C-alpha atoms as a PDB file:
ATOM      1  CA  MET A   1      95.670  99.784  68.756  1.00  0.00           C
ATOM      2  CA  LYS A   2      96.449  98.004  72.030  1.00  0.00           C
ATOM      3  CA  SER A   3      98.473 100.975  73.269  1.00  0.00           C
ATOM      4  CA  LEU A   4      95.578 103.347  72.447  1.00  0.00           C
ATOM      5  CA  TYR A   5      93.203 101.076  74.363  1.00  0.00           C
ATOM      6  CA  ALA A   6      95.612 100.966  77.328  1.00  0.00           C
ATOM      7  CA  LEU A   7      95.911 104.746  77.265  1.00  0.00           C
ATOM      8  CA  MET A   8      92.119 105.176  77.222  1.00  0.00           C
ATOM      9  CA  CYS A   9      91.776 102.756  80.160  1.00  0.00           C
ATOM     10  CA  ALA A  10      94.373 104.727  82.096  1.00  0.00           C
ATOM     11  CA  PHE A  11      92.457 107.995  81.530  1.00  0.00           C
ATOM     12  CA  VAL A  12      89.169 106.386  82.574  1.00  0.00           C
ATOM     13  CA  ALA A  13      90.778 104.938  85.713  1.00  0.00           C
ATOM     14  CA  ALA A  14      92.308 108.313  86.563  1.00  0.00           C
ATOM     15  CA  GLY A  15      88.928 109.964  86.096  1.00  0.00           C
ATOM     16  CA  VAL A  16      87.299 107.441  88.414  1.00  0.00           C
ATOM     17  CA  LEU A  17      89.963 108.109  91.044  1.00  0.00           C
ATOM     18  CA  VAL A  18      89.326 111.841  90.808  1.00  0.00           C
ATOM     19  CA  LEU A  19      85.575 111.306  91.143  1.00  0.00           C
ATOM     20  CA  VAL A  20      85.829 109.147  94.273  1.00  0.00           C
ATOM     21  CA  ALA A  21      88.714 110.973  95.966  1.00  0.00           C
ATOM     22  CA  PRO A  22      87.588 112.861  99.070  1.00  0.00           C
ATOM     23  CA  LYS A  23      87.168 116.599  98.612  1.00  0.00           C
ATOM     24  CA  ALA A  24      90.047 118.594 100.076  1.00  0.00           C
ATOM     25  CA  SER A  25      89.147 120.884 102.929  1.00  0.00           C
ATOM     26  CA  ALA A  26      88.861 124.557 102.012  1.00  0.00           C
ATOM     27  CA  HIS A  27      91.141 125.285 104.952  1.00  0.00           C
ATOM     28  CA  PRO A  28      93.975 123.069 106.191  1.00  0.00           C
ATOM     29  CA  ALA A  29      93.951 122.031 109.841  1.00  0.00           C
ATOM     30  CA  MET A  30      95.185 124.755 112.171  1.00  0.00           C
ATOM     31  CA  ASP A  31      97.699 123.721 114.868  1.00  0.00           C
ATOM     32  CA  ILE A  32      97.473 125.427 118.265  1.00  0.00           C
ATOM     33  CA  VAL A  33      99.992 124.748 121.037  1.00  0.00           C
ATOM     34  CA  ALA A  34      99.106 125.241 124.697  1.00  0.00           C
ATOM     35  CA  SER A  35     101.839 125.876 127.250  1.00  0.00           C
ATOM     36  CA  ASN A  36     102.132 127.520 130.643  1.00  0.00           C
ATOM     37  CA  TRP A  37     100.196 129.994 130.304  1.00  0.00           C
ATOM     38  CA  LYS A  38      99.443 130.794 126.717  1.00  0.00           C
ATOM     39  CA  PHE A  39      98.169 129.490 123.397  1.00  0.00           C
ATOM     40  CA  THR A  40     100.352 129.805 120.295  1.00  0.00           C
ATOM     41  CA  PRO A  41      99.124 131.386 118.141  1.00  0.00           C
ATOM     42  CA  SER A  42      97.178 133.515 120.606  1.00  0.00           C
ATOM     43  CA  THR A  43      94.714 134.721 117.942  1.00  0.00           C
ATOM     44  CA  ILE A  44      93.150 132.806 115.061  1.00  0.00           C
ATOM     45  CA  ALA A  45      90.682 133.798 112.334  1.00  0.00           C
ATOM     46  CA  LEU A  46      87.760 131.643 111.200  1.00  0.00           C
ATOM     47  CA  HIS A  47      84.980 132.216 108.660  1.00  0.00           C
ATOM     48  CA  VAL A  48      81.239 132.126 109.369  1.00  0.00           C
ATOM     49  CA  GLY A  49      79.671 128.891 108.131  1.00  0.00           C
ATOM     50  CA  GLU A  50      82.969 127.268 107.141  1.00  0.00           C
ATOM     51  CA  ALA A  51      84.162 124.174 108.974  1.00  0.00           C
ATOM     52  CA  GLN A  52      87.695 124.426 110.331  1.00  0.00           C
ATOM     53  CA  GLN A  53      89.720 121.715 112.024  1.00  0.00           C
ATOM     54  CA  LEU A  54      91.695 122.859 115.056  1.00  0.00           C
ATOM     55  CA  ARG A  55      94.485 120.561 116.275  1.00  0.00           C
ATOM     56  CA  PHE A  56      95.451 121.260 119.872  1.00  0.00           C
ATOM     57  CA  THR A  57      98.529 119.934 121.631  1.00  0.00           C
ATOM     58  CA  SER A  58     100.491 120.955 124.701  1.00  0.00           C
ATOM     59  CA  SER A  59     104.203 121.568 125.050  1.00  0.00           C
ATOM     60  CA  GLU A  60     103.912 121.606 128.839  1.00  0.00           C
ATOM     61  CA  GLY A  61     101.137 120.876 131.305  1.00  0.00           C
ATOM     62  CA  VAL A  62      97.537 119.771 130.882  1.00  0.00           C
ATOM     63  CA  HIS A  63      95.133 122.380 129.542  1.00  0.00           C
ATOM     64  CA  GLY A  64      91.657 122.509 128.067  1.00  0.00           C
ATOM     65  CA  VAL A  65      89.285 124.481 125.868  1.00  0.00           C
ATOM     66  CA  LYS A  66      85.517 124.891 125.877  1.00  0.00           C
ATOM     67  CA  SER A  67      83.245 127.432 124.209  1.00  0.00           C
ATOM     68  CA  ASP A  68      79.485 127.141 124.033  1.00  0.00           C
ATOM     69  CA  GLU A  69      79.386 130.146 121.683  1.00  0.00           C
ATOM     70  CA  LEU A  70      81.629 128.401 119.152  1.00  0.00           C
ATOM     71  CA  GLY A  71      80.274 124.899 119.743  1.00  0.00           C
ATOM     72  CA  ILE A  72      83.495 123.586 121.285  1.00  0.00           C
ATOM     73  CA  SER A  73      82.790 120.925 123.891  1.00  0.00           C
ATOM     74  CA  GLN A  74      85.177 120.405 126.794  1.00  0.00           C
ATOM     75  CA  THR A  75      88.439 119.213 125.223  1.00  0.00           C
ATOM     76  CA  MET A  76      91.507 118.192 127.215  1.00  0.00           C
ATOM     77  CA  ILE A  77      94.899 119.136 125.767  1.00  0.00           C
ATOM     78  CA  THR A  78      97.829 116.967 126.860  1.00  0.00           C
ATOM     79  CA  PRO A  79     101.539 116.924 125.991  1.00  0.00           C
ATOM     80  CA  GLY A  80     102.559 114.715 123.100  1.00  0.00           C
ATOM     81  CA  LYS A  81      99.034 114.175 121.729  1.00  0.00           C
ATOM     82  CA  PHE A  82      96.787 116.071 119.339  1.00  0.00           C
ATOM     83  CA  SER A  83      93.141 116.727 120.153  1.00  0.00           C
ATOM     84  CA  THR A  84      91.345 117.583 116.920  1.00  0.00           C
ATOM     85  CA  ILE A  85      88.033 119.404 116.891  1.00  0.00           C
ATOM     86  CA  THR A  86      85.992 120.791 114.029  1.00  0.00           C
ATOM     87  CA  VAL A  87      84.440 124.215 114.477  1.00  0.00           C
ATOM     88  CA  THR A  88      81.820 125.800 112.213  1.00  0.00           C
ATOM     89  CA  PRO A  89      81.190 129.328 113.511  1.00  0.00           C
ATOM     90  CA  LYS A  90      77.619 130.560 113.125  1.00  0.00           C
ATOM     91  CA  LYS A  91      78.078 134.240 113.918  1.00  0.00           C
ATOM     92  CA  ALA A  92      80.781 136.840 113.199  1.00  0.00           C
ATOM     93  CA  GLY A  93      82.534 138.382 116.172  1.00  0.00           C
ATOM     94  CA  THR A  94      85.493 138.116 118.495  1.00  0.00           C
ATOM     95  CA  TYR A  95      85.412 135.281 121.015  1.00  0.00           C
ATOM     96  CA  VAL A  96      87.789 134.800 123.923  1.00  0.00           C
ATOM     97  CA  VAL A  97      88.275 131.146 124.841  1.00  0.00           C
ATOM     98  CA  HIS A  98      89.801 130.629 128.303  1.00  0.00           C
ATOM     99  CA  CYS A  99      91.828 127.598 129.307  1.00  0.00           C
ATOM    100  CA  SER A 100      89.200 125.391 130.942  1.00  0.00           C
ATOM    101  CA  ILE A 101      91.507 123.345 133.202  1.00  0.00           C
ATOM    102  CA  VAL A 102      93.255 125.061 136.106  1.00  0.00           C
ATOM    103  CA  CYS A 103      96.922 124.912 135.154  1.00  0.00           C
ATOM    104  CA  GLY A 104      98.769 127.118 137.626  1.00  0.00           C
ATOM    105  CA  ALA A 105      99.502 130.718 138.492  1.00  0.00           C
ATOM    106  CA  GLY A 106      98.943 132.155 134.996  1.00  0.00           C
ATOM    107  CA  HIS A 107      95.718 130.220 134.346  1.00  0.00           C
ATOM    108  CA  PRO A 108      93.289 133.183 134.674  1.00  0.00           C
ATOM    109  CA  ASN A 109      95.048 134.999 131.809  1.00  0.00           C
ATOM    110  CA  MET A 110      95.441 132.004 129.466  1.00  0.00           C
ATOM    111  CA  THR A 111      93.193 132.808 126.512  1.00  0.00           C
ATOM    112  CA  LEU A 112      92.806 132.083 122.816  1.00  0.00           C
ATOM    113  CA  THR A 113      91.162 134.850 120.798  1.00  0.00           C
ATOM    114  CA  VAL A 114      89.020 133.627 117.907  1.00  0.00           C
ATOM    115  CA  LYS A 115      88.030 136.233 115.320  1.00  0.00           C
ATOM    116  CA  VAL A 116      85.147 135.050 113.184  1.00  0.00           C
ATOM    117  CA  VAL A 117      84.686 136.960 109.931  1.00  0.00           C
ATOM    118  CA  LYS A 118      82.133 136.733 107.108  1.00  0.00           C
END
């Protein structure tokens, strides 16, 4: 009888843990690496109305991203650190996000393409 009671308590406790555990994100965080003078990957896909965490880091140099269209405020990207932002696209389309911090000769062509789909 005691072992049945202990088993029932274990199931109830497990159920409580499941109920209070934070909901997993529909999409895992996406890592993007900035370097001289590119983003890797250079193109990402997001879904309209779905929050997505983007984790930026740099393998060389200081870079930045900003996009009013996607709701990305000015974010500095530095070597050895992650800058995490959450984006929830409102409208489908293709957006080109330029490096927002002058980083050298290839800076004008340093872009991240964001394809937002329904």
